[in-house]
Amino acid sequence: MARGLFIVVSAPSGTGKSTICQKLLQACPEIKFSVSYTSRPPRPNEGDGKDYHFISRDEFQARIDQGEFVEWVENYGNLYGSSKKTMESFLHKGQDLLLDIEPRGAKKIKQNFKGGVYVFCASPVP
């Protein structure tokens, strides 16, 4: 079985990367989405396992200590990260995977995983 391809869409918060990812997933439904983990509480319209995997800060730290994240960062006092096990599982099954990650996380993935497609989105100039 062929190894899957991973696509990292990266941009600073608020530049539209989530919208780009949603449009790509609509156009290419065979691509799977990597749901990130976060230590922050869910917002009113967010669902666990859909938008993020919501876990406590202590649990997040334990997972960092166990090397479970391919990348993780702290933003505005909250932790965000992508599961190494999830990423490897999809890719080994031959499934393509889309990751929506801020630039520091994308850099960590690039340092640890060979291949992939990296898309950086710049915010529009007013």
PDB file of N, CA and C in Angstrom:
ATOM      1  N   MET A   1       0.844  -1.187   0.000  1.00  0.00           N
ATOM      2  CA  MET A   1       0.000   0.000   0.000  1.00  0.00           C
ATOM      3  C   MET A   1       0.889   1.250   0.000  1.00  0.00           C
ATOM      4  N   ALA A   2       0.537   2.220  -0.784  1.00  0.00           N
ATOM      5  CA  ALA A   2       1.298   3.462  -0.864  1.00  0.00           C
ATOM      6  C   ALA A   2       1.097   4.281   0.399  1.00  0.00           C
ATOM      7  N   ARG A   3       2.141   4.964   0.794  1.00  0.00           N
ATOM      8  CA  ARG A   3       2.077   5.838   1.963  1.00  0.00           C
ATOM      9  C   ARG A   3       1.268   7.087   1.597  1.00  0.00           C
ATOM     10  N   GLY A   4       0.463   7.567   2.531  1.00  0.00           N
ATOM     11  CA  GLY A   4      -0.329   8.769   2.303  1.00  0.00           C
ATOM     12  C   GLY A   4       0.539  10.014   2.269  1.00  0.00           C
ATOM     13  N   LEU A   5      -0.029  11.061   1.771  1.00  0.00           N
ATOM     14  CA  LEU A   5       0.622  12.365   1.682  1.00  0.00           C
ATOM     15  C   LEU A   5       0.056  13.257   2.766  1.00  0.00           C
ATOM     16  N   PHE A   6       0.907  14.039   3.413  1.00  0.00           N
ATOM     17  CA  PHE A   6       0.374  15.008   4.358  1.00  0.00           C
ATOM     18  C   PHE A   6       0.566  16.421   3.827  1.00  0.00           C
ATOM     19  N   ILE A   7      -0.444  17.222   4.074  1.00  0.00           N
ATOM     20  CA  ILE A   7      -0.470  18.612   3.620  1.00  0.00           C
ATOM     21  C   ILE A   7      -0.604  19.492   4.847  1.00  0.00           C
ATOM     22  N   VAL A   8       0.337  20.402   5.026  1.00  0.00           N
ATOM     23  CA  VAL A   8       0.314  21.315   6.155  1.00  0.00           C
ATOM     24  C   VAL A   8      -0.054  22.706   5.640  1.00  0.00           C
ATOM     25  N   VAL A   9      -1.203  23.203   6.088  1.00  0.00           N
ATOM     26  CA  VAL A   9      -1.602  24.583   5.778  1.00  0.00           C
ATOM     27  C   VAL A   9      -1.269  25.388   7.010  1.00  0.00           C
ATOM     28  N   SER A  10      -0.433  26.394   6.825  1.00  0.00           N
ATOM     29  CA  SER A  10       0.097  27.140   7.958  1.00  0.00           C
ATOM     30  C   SER A  10      -0.056  28.635   7.751  1.00  0.00           C
ATOM     31  N   ALA A  11      -0.379  29.315   8.836  1.00  0.00           N
ATOM     32  CA  ALA A  11      -0.518  30.773   8.815  1.00  0.00           C
ATOM     33  C   ALA A  11      -0.714  31.236  10.244  1.00  0.00           C
ATOM     34  N   PRO A  12      -0.443  32.492  10.498  1.00  0.00           N
ATOM     35  CA  PRO A  12      -0.758  33.031  11.822  1.00  0.00           C
ATOM     36  C   PRO A  12      -2.262  32.987  12.067  1.00  0.00           C
ATOM     37  N   SER A  13      -2.630  33.009  13.309  1.00  0.00           N
ATOM     38  CA  SER A  13      -4.039  32.981  13.700  1.00  0.00           C
ATOM     39  C   SER A  13      -4.807  34.132  13.045  1.00  0.00           C
ATOM     40  N   GLY A  14      -5.993  33.814  12.521  1.00  0.00           N
ATOM     41  CA  GLY A  14      -6.864  34.840  11.957  1.00  0.00           C
ATOM     42  C   GLY A  14      -6.640  35.170  10.497  1.00  0.00           C
ATOM     43  N   THR A  15      -5.803  34.410   9.795  1.00  0.00           N
ATOM     44  CA  THR A  15      -5.520  34.730   8.391  1.00  0.00           C
ATOM     45  C   THR A  15      -6.363  33.934   7.404  1.00  0.00           C
ATOM     46  N   GLY A  16      -7.191  33.023   7.902  1.00  0.00           N
ATOM     47  CA  GLY A  16      -8.089  32.299   7.008  1.00  0.00           C
ATOM     48  C   GLY A  16      -7.677  30.882   6.673  1.00  0.00           C
ATOM     49  N   LYS A  17      -6.678  30.334   7.369  1.00  0.00           N
ATOM     50  CA  LYS A  17      -6.228  28.980   7.034  1.00  0.00           C
ATOM     51  C   LYS A  17      -7.310  27.942   7.284  1.00  0.00           C
ATOM     52  N   SER A  18      -8.124  28.130   8.315  1.00  0.00           N
ATOM     53  CA  SER A  18      -9.209  27.165   8.580  1.00  0.00           C
ATOM     54  C   SER A  18     -10.238  27.173   7.454  1.00  0.00           C
ATOM     55  N   THR A  19     -10.535  28.341   6.924  1.00  0.00           N
ATOM     56  CA  THR A  19     -11.471  28.452   5.796  1.00  0.00           C
ATOM     57  C   THR A  19     -10.891  27.762   4.568  1.00  0.00           C
ATOM     58  N   ILE A  20      -9.612  27.953   4.318  1.00  0.00           N
ATOM     59  CA  ILE A  20      -8.953  27.296   3.186  1.00  0.00           C
ATOM     60  C   ILE A  20      -9.021  25.780   3.359  1.00  0.00           C
ATOM     61  N   CYS A  21      -8.762  25.306   4.567  1.00  0.00           N
ATOM     62  CA  CYS A  21      -8.817  23.864   4.834  1.00  0.00           C
ATOM     63  C   CYS A  21     -10.223  23.317   4.626  1.00  0.00           C
ATOM     64  N   GLN A  22     -11.226  24.029   5.086  1.00  0.00           N
ATOM     65  CA  GLN A  22     -12.615  23.590   4.902  1.00  0.00           C
ATOM     66  C   GLN A  22     -12.954  23.463   3.426  1.00  0.00           C
ATOM     67  N   LYS A  23     -12.552  24.452   2.630  1.00  0.00           N
ATOM     68  CA  LYS A  23     -12.824  24.419   1.184  1.00  0.00           C
ATOM     69  C   LYS A  23     -12.093  23.254   0.514  1.00  0.00           C
ATOM     70  N   LEU A  24     -10.860  23.005   0.917  1.00  0.00           N
ATOM     71  CA  LEU A  24     -10.104  21.893   0.351  1.00  0.00           C
ATOM     72  C   LEU A  24     -10.762  20.558   0.697  1.00  0.00           C
ATOM     73  N   LEU A  25     -11.209  20.397   1.931  1.00  0.00           N
ATOM     74  CA  LEU A  25     -11.874  19.161   2.342  1.00  0.00           C
ATOM     75  C   LEU A  25     -13.202  18.960   1.615  1.00  0.00           C
ATOM     76  N   GLN A  26     -13.903  20.048   1.318  1.00  0.00           N
ATOM     77  CA  GLN A  26     -15.144  19.947   0.541  1.00  0.00           C
ATOM     78  C   GLN A  26     -14.849  19.506  -0.891  1.00  0.00           C
ATOM     79  N   ALA A  27     -13.776  20.055  -1.466  1.00  0.00           N
ATOM     80  CA  ALA A  27     -13.419  19.732  -2.848  1.00  0.00           C
ATOM     81  C   ALA A  27     -12.792  18.345  -2.975  1.00  0.00           C
ATOM     82  N   CYS A  28     -12.128  17.890  -1.911  1.00  0.00           N
ATOM     83  CA  CYS A  28     -11.425  16.594  -1.935  1.00  0.00           C
ATOM     84  C   CYS A  28     -11.796  15.796  -0.688  1.00  0.00           C
ATOM     85  N   PRO A  29     -12.996  15.227  -0.669  1.00  0.00           N
ATOM     86  CA  PRO A  29     -13.464  14.542   0.549  1.00  0.00           C
ATOM     87  C   PRO A  29     -12.656  13.302   0.933  1.00  0.00           C
ATOM     88  N   GLU A  30     -11.813  12.803   0.039  1.00  0.00           N
ATOM     89  CA  GLU A  30     -10.986  11.650   0.380  1.00  0.00           C
ATOM     90  C   GLU A  30      -9.836  12.027   1.316  1.00  0.00           C
ATOM     91  N   ILE A  31      -9.520  13.308   1.417  1.00  0.00           N
ATOM     92  CA  ILE A  31      -8.472  13.765   2.333  1.00  0.00           C
ATOM     93  C   ILE A  31      -9.034  13.778   3.751  1.00  0.00           C
ATOM     94  N   LYS A  32      -8.273  13.249   4.681  1.00  0.00           N
ATOM     95  CA  LYS A  32      -8.667  13.224   6.090  1.00  0.00           C
ATOM     96  C   LYS A  32      -8.095  14.458   6.792  1.00  0.00           C
ATOM     97  N   PHE A  33      -8.783  14.901   7.840  1.00  0.00           N
ATOM     98  CA  PHE A  33      -8.353  16.087   8.591  1.00  0.00           C
ATOM     99  C   PHE A  33      -7.785  15.658   9.939  1.00  0.00           C
ATOM    100  N   SER A  34      -6.645  16.179  10.278  1.00  0.00           N
ATOM    101  CA  SER A  34      -6.026  15.911  11.573  1.00  0.00           C
ATOM    102  C   SER A  34      -6.608  16.868  12.607  1.00  0.00           C
ATOM    103  N   VAL A  35      -7.384  16.332  13.531  1.00  0.00           N
ATOM    104  CA  VAL A  35      -7.986  17.146  14.584  1.00  0.00           C
ATOM    105  C   VAL A  35      -6.936  17.339  15.674  1.00  0.00           C
ATOM    106  N   SER A  36      -6.595  18.591  15.937  1.00  0.00           N
ATOM    107  CA  SER A  36      -5.579  18.919  16.933  1.00  0.00           C
ATOM    108  C   SER A  36      -6.122  18.777  18.350  1.00  0.00           C
ATOM    109  N   TYR A  37      -5.197  18.717  19.289  1.00  0.00           N
ATOM    110  CA  TYR A  37      -5.518  18.721  20.720  1.00  0.00           C
ATOM    111  C   TYR A  37      -5.313  20.126  21.265  1.00  0.00           C
ATOM    112  N   THR A  38      -6.087  20.487  22.281  1.00  0.00           N
ATOM    113  CA  THR A  38      -5.894  21.770  22.941  1.00  0.00           C
ATOM    114  C   THR A  38      -6.252  21.664  24.418  1.00  0.00           C
ATOM    115  N   SER A  39      -5.610  22.528  25.193  1.00  0.00           N
ATOM    116  CA  SER A  39      -5.904  22.597  26.625  1.00  0.00           C
ATOM    117  C   SER A  39      -6.956  23.657  26.933  1.00  0.00           C
ATOM    118  N   ARG A  40      -7.385  24.392  25.923  1.00  0.00           N
ATOM    119  CA  ARG A  40      -8.373  25.441  26.193  1.00  0.00           C
ATOM    120  C   ARG A  40      -9.782  24.849  26.214  1.00  0.00           C
ATOM    121  N   PRO A  41     -10.699  25.527  26.885  1.00  0.00           N
ATOM    122  CA  PRO A  41     -12.079  25.025  26.882  1.00  0.00           C
ATOM    123  C   PRO A  41     -12.743  25.256  25.518  1.00  0.00           C
ATOM    124  N   PRO A  42     -13.734  24.425  25.176  1.00  0.00           N
ATOM    125  CA  PRO A  42     -14.412  24.613  23.890  1.00  0.00           C
ATOM    126  C   PRO A  42     -15.217  25.909  23.858  1.00  0.00           C
ATOM    127  N   ARG A  43     -15.290  26.493  22.676  1.00  0.00           N
ATOM    128  CA  ARG A  43     -16.155  27.652  22.452  1.00  0.00           C
ATOM    129  C   ARG A  43     -17.574  27.138  22.219  1.00  0.00           C
ATOM    130  N   PRO A  44     -18.576  28.007  22.276  1.00  0.00           N
ATOM    131  CA  PRO A  44     -19.973  27.546  22.199  1.00  0.00           C
ATOM    132  C   PRO A  44     -20.317  26.620  21.025  1.00  0.00           C
ATOM    133  N   ASN A  45     -19.785  26.857  19.844  1.00  0.00           N
ATOM    134  CA  ASN A  45     -20.164  26.040  18.682  1.00  0.00           C
ATOM    135  C   ASN A  45     -19.173  24.932  18.351  1.00  0.00           C
ATOM    136  N   GLU A  46     -18.200  24.685  19.215  1.00  0.00           N
ATOM    137  CA  GLU A  46     -17.181  23.681  18.939  1.00  0.00           C
ATOM    138  C   GLU A  46     -17.547  22.340  19.560  1.00  0.00           C
ATOM    139  N   GLY A  47     -17.164  21.274  18.879  1.00  0.00           N
ATOM    140  CA  GLY A  47     -17.417  19.924  19.370  1.00  0.00           C
ATOM    141  C   GLY A  47     -16.127  19.165  19.584  1.00  0.00           C
ATOM    142  N   ASP A  48     -16.072  18.395  20.672  1.00  0.00           N
ATOM    143  CA  ASP A  48     -14.898  17.586  20.963  1.00  0.00           C
ATOM    144  C   ASP A  48     -14.748  16.511  19.891  1.00  0.00           C
ATOM    145  N   GLY A  49     -13.550  16.392  19.341  1.00  0.00           N
ATOM    146  CA  GLY A  49     -13.292  15.417  18.293  1.00  0.00           C
ATOM    147  C   GLY A  49     -13.600  15.924  16.905  1.00  0.00           C
ATOM    148  N   LYS A  50     -14.270  17.048  16.812  1.00  0.00           N
ATOM    149  CA  LYS A  50     -14.591  17.647  15.507  1.00  0.00           C
ATOM    150  C   LYS A  50     -13.682  18.849  15.256  1.00  0.00           C
ATOM    151  N   ASP A  51     -13.740  19.811  16.158  1.00  0.00           N
ATOM    152  CA  ASP A  51     -12.910  21.014  16.028  1.00  0.00           C
ATOM    153  C   ASP A  51     -11.541  20.807  16.678  1.00  0.00           C
ATOM    154  N   TYR A  52     -11.547  20.230  17.849  1.00  0.00           N
ATOM    155  CA  TYR A  52     -10.342  19.900  18.622  1.00  0.00           C
ATOM    156  C   TYR A  52     -10.666  18.707  19.499  1.00  0.00           C
ATOM    157  N   HIS A  53      -9.616  18.104  20.029  1.00  0.00           N
ATOM    158  CA  HIS A  53      -9.753  17.175  21.148  1.00  0.00           C
ATOM    159  C   HIS A  53      -9.441  18.032  22.378  1.00  0.00           C
ATOM    160  N   PHE A  54     -10.428  18.270  23.208  1.00  0.00           N
ATOM    161  CA  PHE A  54     -10.267  19.138  24.371  1.00  0.00           C
ATOM    162  C   PHE A  54      -9.824  18.298  25.570  1.00  0.00           C
ATOM    163  N   ILE A  55      -8.634  18.611  26.088  1.00  0.00           N
ATOM    164  CA  ILE A  55      -8.108  17.891  27.245  1.00  0.00           C
ATOM    165  C   ILE A  55      -7.575  18.911  28.246  1.00  0.00           C
ATOM    166  N   SER A  56      -7.394  18.484  29.474  1.00  0.00           N
ATOM    167  CA  SER A  56      -6.889  19.389  30.507  1.00  0.00           C
ATOM    168  C   SER A  56      -5.423  19.727  30.249  1.00  0.00           C
ATOM    169  N   ARG A  57      -4.976  20.800  30.835  1.00  0.00           N
ATOM    170  CA  ARG A  57      -3.576  21.199  30.708  1.00  0.00           C
ATOM    171  C   ARG A  57      -2.657  20.118  31.279  1.00  0.00           C
ATOM    172  N   ASP A  58      -3.063  19.504  32.399  1.00  0.00           N
ATOM    173  CA  ASP A  58      -2.251  18.443  32.997  1.00  0.00           C
ATOM    174  C   ASP A  58      -2.133  17.242  32.061  1.00  0.00           C
ATOM    175  N   GLU A  59      -3.254  16.853  31.444  1.00  0.00           N
ATOM    176  CA  GLU A  59      -3.216  15.737  30.502  1.00  0.00           C
ATOM    177  C   GLU A  59      -2.367  16.084  29.287  1.00  0.00           C
ATOM    178  N   PHE A  60      -2.485  17.326  28.806  1.00  0.00           N
ATOM    179  CA  PHE A  60      -1.683  17.766  27.663  1.00  0.00           C
ATOM    180  C   PHE A  60      -0.197  17.659  28.012  1.00  0.00           C
ATOM    181  N   GLN A  61       0.173  18.152  29.194  1.00  0.00           N
ATOM    182  CA  GLN A  61       1.574  18.112  29.616  1.00  0.00           C
ATOM    183  C   GLN A  61       2.078  16.679  29.727  1.00  0.00           C
ATOM    184  N   ALA A  62       1.224  15.785  30.245  1.00  0.00           N
ATOM    185  CA  ALA A  62       1.608  14.371  30.332  1.00  0.00           C
ATOM    186  C   ALA A  62       1.872  13.800  28.942  1.00  0.00           C
ATOM    187  N   ARG A  63       1.054  14.182  27.970  1.00  0.00           N
ATOM    188  CA  ARG A  63       1.246  13.696  26.598  1.00  0.00           C
ATOM    189  C   ARG A  63       2.511  14.274  25.976  1.00  0.00           C
ATOM    190  N   ILE A  64       2.837  15.516  26.303  1.00  0.00           N
ATOM    191  CA  ILE A  64       4.110  16.096  25.846  1.00  0.00           C
ATOM    192  C   ILE A  64       5.261  15.264  26.397  1.00  0.00           C
ATOM    193  N   ASP A  65       5.205  15.003  27.714  1.00  0.00           N
ATOM    194  CA  ASP A  65       6.267  14.250  28.380  1.00  0.00           C
ATOM    195  C   ASP A  65       6.437  12.853  27.802  1.00  0.00           C
ATOM    196  N   GLN A  66       5.350  12.266  27.289  1.00  0.00           N
ATOM    197  CA  GLN A  66       5.390  10.921  26.701  1.00  0.00           C
ATOM    198  C   GLN A  66       5.733  10.949  25.206  1.00  0.00           C
ATOM    199  N   GLY A  67       5.961  12.143  24.661  1.00  0.00           N
ATOM    200  CA  GLY A  67       6.343  12.263  23.248  1.00  0.00           C
ATOM    201  C   GLY A  67       5.218  11.970  22.283  1.00  0.00           C
ATOM    202  N   GLU A  68       3.969  12.242  22.680  1.00  0.00           N
ATOM    203  CA  GLU A  68       2.818  11.900  21.847  1.00  0.00           C
ATOM    204  C   GLU A  68       2.503  12.913  20.746  1.00  0.00           C
ATOM    205  N   PHE A  69       3.130  14.078  20.776  1.00  0.00           N
ATOM    206  CA  PHE A  69       2.809  15.100  19.782  1.00  0.00           C
ATOM    207  C   PHE A  69       3.938  15.236  18.769  1.00  0.00           C
ATOM    208  N   VAL A  70       3.554  15.319  17.495  1.00  0.00           N
ATOM    209  CA  VAL A  70       4.530  15.581  16.443  1.00  0.00           C
ATOM    210  C   VAL A  70       4.937  17.048  16.494  1.00  0.00           C
ATOM    211  N   GLU A  71       4.035  17.862  16.995  1.00  0.00           N
ATOM    212  CA  GLU A  71       4.315  19.283  17.213  1.00  0.00           C
ATOM    213  C   GLU A  71       3.356  19.767  18.285  1.00  0.00           C
ATOM    214  N   TRP A  72       3.812  20.769  19.040  1.00  0.00           N
ATOM    215  CA  TRP A  72       2.929  21.442  19.983  1.00  0.00           C
ATOM    216  C   TRP A  72       3.480  22.830  20.257  1.00  0.00           C
ATOM    217  N   VAL A  73       2.585  23.729  20.572  1.00  0.00           N
ATOM    218  CA  VAL A  73       2.948  25.114  20.873  1.00  0.00           C
ATOM    219  C   VAL A  73       2.014  25.644  21.957  1.00  0.00           C
ATOM    220  N   GLU A  74       2.453  26.728  22.550  1.00  0.00           N
ATOM    221  CA  GLU A  74       1.593  27.448  23.490  1.00  0.00           C
ATOM    222  C   GLU A  74       1.238  28.781  22.865  1.00  0.00           C
ATOM    223  N   ASN A  75      -0.045  29.063  22.777  1.00  0.00           N
ATOM    224  CA  ASN A  75      -0.560  30.331  22.250  1.00  0.00           C
ATOM    225  C   ASN A  75      -1.545  30.908  23.242  1.00  0.00           C
ATOM    226  N   TYR A  76      -1.324  32.150  23.629  1.00  0.00           N
ATOM    227  CA  TYR A  76      -2.249  32.861  24.511  1.00  0.00           C
ATOM    228  C   TYR A  76      -2.564  32.063  25.771  1.00  0.00           C
ATOM    229  N   GLY A  77      -1.551  31.361  26.309  1.00  0.00           N
ATOM    230  CA  GLY A  77      -1.718  30.614  27.543  1.00  0.00           C
ATOM    231  C   GLY A  77      -2.344  29.244  27.386  1.00  0.00           C
ATOM    232  N   ASN A  78      -2.662  28.835  26.168  1.00  0.00           N
ATOM    233  CA  ASN A  78      -3.250  27.519  25.918  1.00  0.00           C
ATOM    234  C   ASN A  78      -2.304  26.688  25.059  1.00  0.00           C
ATOM    235  N   LEU A  79      -2.359  25.375  25.249  1.00  0.00           N
ATOM    236  CA  LEU A  79      -1.515  24.456  24.494  1.00  0.00           C
ATOM    237  C   LEU A  79      -2.290  23.861  23.326  1.00  0.00           C
ATOM    238  N   TYR A  80      -1.594  23.704  22.201  1.00  0.00           N
ATOM    239  CA  TYR A  80      -2.173  23.136  20.985  1.00  0.00           C
ATOM    240  C   TYR A  80      -1.157  22.155  20.417  1.00  0.00           C
ATOM    241  N   GLY A  81      -1.625  21.013  19.912  1.00  0.00           N
ATOM    242  CA  GLY A  81      -0.688  20.055  19.346  1.00  0.00           C
ATOM    243  C   GLY A  81      -1.353  19.035  18.449  1.00  0.00           C
ATOM    244  N   SER A  82      -0.522  18.365  17.642  1.00  0.00           N
ATOM    245  CA  SER A  82      -0.969  17.331  16.708  1.00  0.00           C
ATOM    246  C   SER A  82      -0.412  15.985  17.138  1.00  0.00           C
ATOM    247  N   SER A  83      -1.276  14.986  17.149  1.00  0.00           N
ATOM    248  CA  SER A  83      -0.908  13.643  17.587  1.00  0.00           C
ATOM    249  C   SER A  83       0.002  12.956  16.572  1.00  0.00           C
ATOM    250  N   LYS A  84       1.142  12.497  17.045  1.00  0.00           N
ATOM    251  CA  LYS A  84       2.062  11.742  16.203  1.00  0.00           C
ATOM    252  C   LYS A  84       1.431  10.411  15.798  1.00  0.00           C
ATOM    253  N   LYS A  85       0.751   9.752  16.722  1.00  0.00           N
ATOM    254  CA  LYS A  85       0.127   8.457  16.443  1.00  0.00           C
ATOM    255  C   LYS A  85      -0.953   8.586  15.367  1.00  0.00           C
ATOM    256  N   THR A  86      -1.782   9.626  15.459  1.00  0.00           N
ATOM    257  CA  THR A  86      -2.824   9.844  14.464  1.00  0.00           C
ATOM    258  C   THR A  86      -2.208  10.077  13.088  1.00  0.00           C
ATOM    259  N   MET A  87      -1.206  10.927  13.037  1.00  0.00           N
ATOM    260  CA  MET A  87      -0.565  11.252  11.759  1.00  0.00           C
ATOM    261  C   MET A  87       0.043   9.993  11.134  1.00  0.00           C
ATOM    262  N   GLU A  88       0.796   9.239  11.915  1.00  0.00           N
ATOM    263  CA  GLU A  88       1.439   8.036  11.390  1.00  0.00           C
ATOM    264  C   GLU A  88       0.405   6.992  10.958  1.00  0.00           C
ATOM    265  N   SER A  89      -0.676   6.873  11.724  1.00  0.00           N
ATOM    266  CA  SER A  89      -1.717   5.898  11.402  1.00  0.00           C
ATOM    267  C   SER A  89      -2.355   6.181  10.045  1.00  0.00           C
ATOM    268  N   PHE A  90      -2.759   7.426   9.813  1.00  0.00           N
ATOM    269  CA  PHE A  90      -3.362   7.787   8.531  1.00  0.00           C
ATOM    270  C   PHE A  90      -2.386   7.556   7.384  1.00  0.00           C
ATOM    271  N   LEU A  91      -1.156   8.012   7.547  1.00  0.00           N
ATOM    272  CA  LEU A  91      -0.179   7.912   6.467  1.00  0.00           C
ATOM    273  C   LEU A  91       0.165   6.460   6.150  1.00  0.00           C
ATOM    274  N   HIS A  92       0.285   5.622   7.171  1.00  0.00           N
ATOM    275  CA  HIS A  92       0.603   4.209   6.942  1.00  0.00           C
ATOM    276  C   HIS A  92      -0.551   3.470   6.272  1.00  0.00           C
ATOM    277  N   LYS A  93      -1.781   3.961   6.466  1.00  0.00           N
ATOM    278  CA  LYS A  93      -2.940   3.358   5.803  1.00  0.00           C
ATOM    279  C   LYS A  93      -3.081   3.840   4.357  1.00  0.00           C
ATOM    280  N   GLY A  94      -2.188   4.750   3.940  1.00  0.00           N
ATOM    281  CA  GLY A  94      -2.245   5.276   2.583  1.00  0.00           C
ATOM    282  C   GLY A  94      -3.224   6.415   2.423  1.00  0.00           C
ATOM    283  N   GLN A  95      -3.692   6.973   3.532  1.00  0.00           N
ATOM    284  CA  GLN A  95      -4.653   8.078   3.466  1.00  0.00           C
ATOM    285  C   GLN A  95      -3.916   9.413   3.511  1.00  0.00           C
ATOM    286  N   ASP A  96      -4.385  10.343   2.695  1.00  0.00           N
ATOM    287  CA  ASP A  96      -3.824  11.690   2.697  1.00  0.00           C
ATOM    288  C   ASP A  96      -4.406  12.458   3.876  1.00  0.00           C
ATOM    289  N   LEU A  97      -3.581  13.306   4.476  1.00  0.00           N
ATOM    290  CA  LEU A  97      -3.950  13.983   5.717  1.00  0.00           C
ATOM    291  C   LEU A  97      -3.688  15.471   5.612  1.00  0.00           C
ATOM    292  N   LEU A  98      -4.655  16.264   6.053  1.00  0.00           N
ATOM    293  CA  LEU A  98      -4.553  17.723   6.057  1.00  0.00           C
ATOM    294  C   LEU A  98      -4.388  18.209   7.489  1.00  0.00           C
ATOM    295  N   LEU A  99      -3.395  19.051   7.703  1.00  0.00           N
ATOM    296  CA  LEU A  99      -3.154  19.632   9.020  1.00  0.00           C
ATOM    297  C   LEU A  99      -3.268  21.148   8.931  1.00  0.00           C
ATOM    298  N   ASP A 100      -3.973  21.734   9.866  1.00  0.00           N
ATOM    299  CA  ASP A 100      -4.184  23.184   9.977  1.00  0.00           C
ATOM    300  C   ASP A 100      -3.368  23.628  11.185  1.00  0.00           C
ATOM    301  N   ILE A 101      -2.199  24.238  10.926  1.00  0.00           N
ATOM    302  CA  ILE A 101      -1.232  24.485  11.995  1.00  0.00           C
ATOM    303  C   ILE A 101      -0.611  25.865  11.874  1.00  0.00           C
ATOM    304  N   GLU A 102      -0.307  26.443  13.017  1.00  0.00           N
ATOM    305  CA  GLU A 102       0.367  27.741  12.983  1.00  0.00           C
ATOM    306  C   GLU A 102       1.843  27.529  12.623  1.00  0.00           C
ATOM    307  N   PRO A 103       2.557  28.586  12.219  1.00  0.00           N
ATOM    308  CA  PRO A 103       3.896  28.425  11.642  1.00  0.00           C
ATOM    309  C   PRO A 103       4.929  27.708  12.512  1.00  0.00           C
ATOM    310  N   ARG A 104       4.938  27.940  13.833  1.00  0.00           N
ATOM    311  CA  ARG A 104       5.942  27.260  14.667  1.00  0.00           C
ATOM    312  C   ARG A 104       5.719  25.748  14.645  1.00  0.00           C
ATOM    313  N   GLY A 105       4.454  25.324  14.670  1.00  0.00           N
ATOM    314  CA  GLY A 105       4.146  23.902  14.614  1.00  0.00           C
ATOM    315  C   GLY A 105       4.528  23.298  13.277  1.00  0.00           C
ATOM    316  N   ALA A 106       4.281  24.033  12.194  1.00  0.00           N
ATOM    317  CA  ALA A 106       4.646  23.554  10.853  1.00  0.00           C
ATOM    318  C   ALA A 106       6.154  23.341  10.757  1.00  0.00           C
ATOM    319  N   LYS A 107       6.907  24.230  11.350  1.00  0.00           N
ATOM    320  CA  LYS A 107       8.369  24.106  11.328  1.00  0.00           C
ATOM    321  C   LYS A 107       8.810  22.841  12.071  1.00  0.00           C
ATOM    322  N   LYS A 108       8.153  22.545  13.200  1.00  0.00           N
ATOM    323  CA  LYS A 108       8.497  21.330  13.955  1.00  0.00           C
ATOM    324  C   LYS A 108       8.179  20.074  13.150  1.00  0.00           C
ATOM    325  N   ILE A 109       7.049  20.074  12.446  1.00  0.00           N
ATOM    326  CA  ILE A 109       6.706  18.905  11.624  1.00  0.00           C
ATOM    327  C   ILE A 109       7.741  18.736  10.516  1.00  0.00           C
ATOM    328  N   LYS A 110       8.123  19.824   9.889  1.00  0.00           N
ATOM    329  CA  LYS A 110       9.094  19.756   8.789  1.00  0.00           C
ATOM    330  C   LYS A 110      10.438  19.203   9.276  1.00  0.00           C
ATOM    331  N   GLN A 111      10.785  19.490  10.531  1.00  0.00           N
ATOM    332  CA  GLN A 111      12.031  18.983  11.088  1.00  0.00           C
ATOM    333  C   GLN A 111      11.960  17.488  11.388  1.00  0.00           C
ATOM    334  N   ASN A 112      10.757  16.966  11.636  1.00  0.00           N
ATOM    335  CA  ASN A 112      10.603  15.589  12.099  1.00  0.00           C
ATOM    336  C   ASN A 112      10.017  14.616  11.082  1.00  0.00           C
ATOM    337  N   PHE A 113       9.393  15.117  10.024  1.00  0.00           N
ATOM    338  CA  PHE A 113       8.770  14.251   9.019  1.00  0.00           C
ATOM    339  C   PHE A 113       9.295  14.619   7.641  1.00  0.00           C
ATOM    340  N   LYS A 114       9.687  13.612   6.906  1.00  0.00           N
ATOM    341  CA  LYS A 114      10.146  13.830   5.531  1.00  0.00           C
ATOM    342  C   LYS A 114       8.951  13.941   4.601  1.00  0.00           C
ATOM    343  N   GLY A 115       9.128  14.690   3.531  1.00  0.00           N
ATOM    344  CA  GLY A 115       8.078  14.822   2.523  1.00  0.00           C
ATOM    345  C   GLY A 115       7.018  15.812   2.955  1.00  0.00           C
ATOM    346  N   GLY A 116       5.851  15.627   2.396  1.00  0.00           N
ATOM    347  CA  GLY A 116       4.748  16.519   2.709  1.00  0.00           C
ATOM    348  C   GLY A 116       4.723  17.736   1.815  1.00  0.00           C
ATOM    349  N   VAL A 117       3.585  18.392   1.847  1.00  0.00           N
ATOM    350  CA  VAL A 117       3.385  19.636   1.115  1.00  0.00           C
ATOM    351  C   VAL A 117       3.095  20.705   2.154  1.00  0.00           C
ATOM    352  N   TYR A 118       3.807  21.810   2.070  1.00  0.00           N
ATOM    353  CA  TYR A 118       3.641  22.893   3.039  1.00  0.00           C
ATOM    354  C   TYR A 118       3.128  24.132   2.319  1.00  0.00           C
ATOM    355  N   VAL A 119       2.014  24.643   2.803  1.00  0.00           N
ATOM    356  CA  VAL A 119       1.384  25.827   2.219  1.00  0.00           C
ATOM    357  C   VAL A 119       1.344  26.892   3.297  1.00  0.00           C
ATOM    358  N   PHE A 120       1.991  28.020   3.060  1.00  0.00           N
ATOM    359  CA  PHE A 120       1.941  29.131   4.006  1.00  0.00           C
ATOM    360  C   PHE A 120       1.018  30.195   3.441  1.00  0.00           C
ATOM    361  N   CYS A 121       0.071  30.630   4.253  1.00  0.00           N
ATOM    362  CA  CYS A 121      -0.903  31.648   3.840  1.00  0.00           C
ATOM    363  C   CYS A 121      -0.548  32.977   4.504  1.00  0.00           C
ATOM    364  N   ALA A 122      -0.333  33.969   3.684  1.00  0.00           N
ATOM    365  CA  ALA A 122      -0.076  35.307   4.204  1.00  0.00           C
ATOM    366  C   ALA A 122      -1.394  36.061   4.297  1.00  0.00           C
ATOM    367  N   SER A 123      -1.489  36.925   5.288  1.00  0.00           N
ATOM    368  CA  SER A 123      -2.733  37.701   5.410  1.00  0.00           C
ATOM    369  C   SER A 123      -2.770  38.749   4.314  1.00  0.00           C
ATOM    370  N   PRO A 124      -3.975  39.072   3.841  1.00  0.00           N
ATOM    371  CA  PRO A 124      -4.083  40.076   2.774  1.00  0.00           C
ATOM    372  C   PRO A 124      -3.625  41.436   3.259  1.00  0.00           C
ATOM    373  N   VAL A 125      -3.032  42.166   2.362  1.00  0.00           N
ATOM    374  CA  VAL A 125      -2.587  43.522   2.670  1.00  0.00           C
ATOM    375  C   VAL A 125      -3.784  44.452   2.491  1.00  0.00           C
ATOM    376  N   PRO A 126      -4.077  45.275   3.509  1.00  0.00           N
ATOM    377  CA  PRO A 126      -5.254  46.185   3.377  1.00  0.00           C
ATOM    378  C   PRO A 126      -5.057  47.261   2.342  1.00  0.00           C
TER     379      PRO A 126
END
